């Protein structure tokens, strides 16, 4: 493996992925690998789904993030939808830190 500017806290594999398609990771030479780790649980919805890409592009044109210190009508709508679709009565949107 070539020299890297990335800190070596992981023993990285020799695999380098060019893009993803649904549950698949694809190398530049076209080899496909099932993304069993879902990008360490970040990509549970898969890679590059057209509906998700469209929604992300639309949102990127409006707001990246609004703190929980402020109101967010889109966040309220999503929280309501999640409560209606699950057992939950309330939703708390947070990140994992870092």
C-alpha atoms as a PDB file:
ATOM      1  CA  UNK A   1       0.000   0.000   0.000  1.00  0.00           C
ATOM      2  CA  UNK A   2       1.311   3.466  -0.818  1.00  0.00           C
ATOM      3  CA  UNK A   3       2.154   6.128   1.734  1.00  0.00           C
ATOM      4  CA  UNK A   4      -0.880   7.882   3.144  1.00  0.00           C
ATOM      5  CA  UNK A   5      -1.604  11.100   4.994  1.00  0.00           C
ATOM      6  CA  UNK A   6      -4.287   9.277   6.992  1.00  0.00           C
ATOM      7  CA  UNK A   7      -3.560   8.343  10.583  1.00  0.00           C
ATOM      8  CA  UNK A   8      -2.969   4.580  10.828  1.00  0.00           C
ATOM      9  CA  UNK A   9      -5.444   3.626  13.539  1.00  0.00           C
ATOM     10  CA  UNK A  10      -6.853   0.786  11.407  1.00  0.00           C
ATOM     11  CA  UNK A  11      -5.198  -2.063   9.553  1.00  0.00           C
ATOM     12  CA  UNK A  12      -6.678  -1.124   6.178  1.00  0.00           C
ATOM     13  CA  UNK A  13      -7.284  -3.684   3.471  1.00  0.00           C
ATOM     14  CA  UNK A  14      -5.919  -3.280  -0.037  1.00  0.00           C
ATOM     15  CA  UNK A  15      -9.461  -2.763  -1.374  1.00  0.00           C
ATOM     16  CA  UNK A  16     -10.296   0.703  -2.704  1.00  0.00           C
ATOM     17  CA  UNK A  17     -13.912   1.369  -3.605  1.00  0.00           C
ATOM     18  CA  UNK A  18     -14.929   3.682  -6.417  1.00  0.00           C
ATOM     19  CA  UNK A  19     -18.684   3.782  -5.799  1.00  0.00           C
ATOM     20  CA  UNK A  20     -21.635   1.939  -4.312  1.00  0.00           C
ATOM     21  CA  UNK A  21     -24.847   0.525  -5.779  1.00  0.00           C
ATOM     22  CA  UNK A  22     -27.497  -0.391  -3.233  1.00  0.00           C
ATOM     23  CA  UNK A  23     -25.908  -2.986  -0.930  1.00  0.00           C
ATOM     24  CA  UNK A  24     -22.833  -3.334  -3.169  1.00  0.00           C
ATOM     25  CA  UNK A  25     -19.441  -1.623  -3.042  1.00  0.00           C
ATOM     26  CA  UNK A  26     -17.678  -1.482  -6.409  1.00  0.00           C
ATOM     27  CA  UNK A  27     -13.958  -1.110  -7.147  1.00  0.00           C
ATOM     28  CA  UNK A  28     -12.638   0.904 -10.105  1.00  0.00           C
ATOM     29  CA  UNK A  29     -12.029  -2.356 -12.006  1.00  0.00           C
ATOM     30  CA  UNK A  30     -15.659  -3.441 -11.499  1.00  0.00           C
ATOM     31  CA  UNK A  31     -15.321  -6.007  -8.703  1.00  0.00           C
ATOM     32  CA  UNK A  32     -18.410  -6.016  -6.477  1.00  0.00           C
ATOM     33  CA  UNK A  33     -18.464  -6.674  -2.725  1.00  0.00           C
ATOM     34  CA  UNK A  34     -21.508  -6.948  -0.475  1.00  0.00           C
ATOM     35  CA  UNK A  35     -21.313  -4.078   2.043  1.00  0.00           C
ATOM     36  CA  UNK A  36     -22.024  -6.274   5.069  1.00  0.00           C
ATOM     37  CA  UNK A  37     -20.954  -3.528   7.475  1.00  0.00           C
ATOM     38  CA  UNK A  38     -23.134  -0.879   5.801  1.00  0.00           C
ATOM     39  CA  UNK A  39     -20.225   1.548   6.000  1.00  0.00           C
ATOM     40  CA  UNK A  40     -19.984   0.889   9.757  1.00  0.00           C
ATOM     41  CA  UNK A  41     -23.771   1.309  10.077  1.00  0.00           C
ATOM     42  CA  UNK A  42     -23.799   4.679   8.283  1.00  0.00           C
ATOM     43  CA  UNK A  43     -25.209   3.392   4.980  1.00  0.00           C
ATOM     44  CA  UNK A  44     -28.096   1.285   6.223  1.00  0.00           C
ATOM     45  CA  UNK A  45     -30.198   2.625   3.331  1.00  0.00           C
ATOM     46  CA  UNK A  46     -27.609   1.491   0.800  1.00  0.00           C
ATOM     47  CA  UNK A  47     -25.592   3.412  -1.758  1.00  0.00           C
ATOM     48  CA  UNK A  48     -26.802   5.739  -4.531  1.00  0.00           C
ATOM     49  CA  UNK A  49     -30.532   4.980  -4.528  1.00  0.00           C
ATOM     50  CA  UNK A  50     -32.085   7.567  -6.908  1.00  0.00           C
ATOM     51  CA  UNK A  51     -34.850   8.550  -4.458  1.00  0.00           C
ATOM     52  CA  UNK A  52     -32.365   9.103  -1.626  1.00  0.00           C
ATOM     53  CA  UNK A  53     -29.916  10.981  -3.892  1.00  0.00           C
ATOM     54  CA  UNK A  54     -32.738  13.297  -5.032  1.00  0.00           C
ATOM     55  CA  UNK A  55     -33.863  13.956  -1.453  1.00  0.00           C
ATOM     56  CA  UNK A  56     -30.291  14.675  -0.333  1.00  0.00           C
ATOM     57  CA  UNK A  57     -29.701  17.038  -3.252  1.00  0.00           C
ATOM     58  CA  UNK A  58     -32.901  18.931  -2.474  1.00  0.00           C
ATOM     59  CA  UNK A  59     -32.002  19.182   1.211  1.00  0.00           C
ATOM     60  CA  UNK A  60     -28.431  20.278   0.434  1.00  0.00           C
ATOM     61  CA  UNK A  61     -29.925  23.220  -1.442  1.00  0.00           C
ATOM     62  CA  UNK A  62     -31.777  24.314   1.703  1.00  0.00           C
ATOM     63  CA  UNK A  63     -30.007  23.422   4.982  1.00  0.00           C
ATOM     64  CA  UNK A  64     -27.251  21.027   6.017  1.00  0.00           C
ATOM     65  CA  UNK A  65     -28.099  20.988   9.698  1.00  0.00           C
ATOM     66  CA  UNK A  66     -30.103  22.877  12.283  1.00  0.00           C
ATOM     67  CA  UNK A  67     -29.293  22.459  15.963  1.00  0.00           C
ATOM     68  CA  UNK A  68     -31.922  21.047  18.309  1.00  0.00           C
ATOM     69  CA  UNK A  69     -31.772  24.485  19.942  1.00  0.00           C
ATOM     70  CA  UNK A  70     -33.993  25.733  17.089  1.00  0.00           C
ATOM     71  CA  UNK A  71     -37.244  24.599  15.503  1.00  0.00           C
ATOM     72  CA  UNK A  72     -37.176  22.648  12.267  1.00  0.00           C
ATOM     73  CA  UNK A  73     -40.467  22.096  10.388  1.00  0.00           C
ATOM     74  CA  UNK A  74     -38.888  19.308   8.300  1.00  0.00           C
ATOM     75  CA  UNK A  75     -37.612  17.652  11.489  1.00  0.00           C
ATOM     76  CA  UNK A  76     -41.087  17.879  13.019  1.00  0.00           C
ATOM     77  CA  UNK A  77     -42.616  16.231   9.944  1.00  0.00           C
ATOM     78  CA  UNK A  78     -40.052  13.431   9.995  1.00  0.00           C
ATOM     79  CA  UNK A  79     -40.539  12.870  13.733  1.00  0.00           C
ATOM     80  CA  UNK A  80     -44.304  12.576  13.226  1.00  0.00           C
ATOM     81  CA  UNK A  81     -43.833  10.087  10.377  1.00  0.00           C
ATOM     82  CA  UNK A  82     -41.454   7.986  12.477  1.00  0.00           C
ATOM     83  CA  UNK A  83     -43.872   7.923  15.420  1.00  0.00           C
ATOM     84  CA  UNK A  84     -46.761   6.946  13.167  1.00  0.00           C
ATOM     85  CA  UNK A  85     -44.738   4.117  11.600  1.00  0.00           C
ATOM     86  CA  UNK A  86     -43.335   2.701  14.856  1.00  0.00           C
ATOM     87  CA  UNK A  87     -44.023   2.158  18.552  1.00  0.00           C
ATOM     88  CA  UNK A  88     -42.382   5.489  19.462  1.00  0.00           C
ATOM     89  CA  UNK A  89     -44.243   8.409  20.996  1.00  0.00           C
ATOM     90  CA  UNK A  90     -41.314  10.851  20.733  1.00  0.00           C
ATOM     91  CA  UNK A  91     -38.162  11.182  18.606  1.00  0.00           C
ATOM     92  CA  UNK A  92     -34.806  12.716  19.468  1.00  0.00           C
ATOM     93  CA  UNK A  93     -32.471  13.489  16.577  1.00  0.00           C
ATOM     94  CA  UNK A  94     -28.810  13.329  17.630  1.00  0.00           C
ATOM     95  CA  UNK A  95     -25.421  12.494  16.164  1.00  0.00           C
ATOM     96  CA  UNK A  96     -22.868  10.035  17.482  1.00  0.00           C
ATOM     97  CA  UNK A  97     -20.369  12.616  18.642  1.00  0.00           C
ATOM     98  CA  UNK A  98     -16.783  12.679  17.382  1.00  0.00           C
END
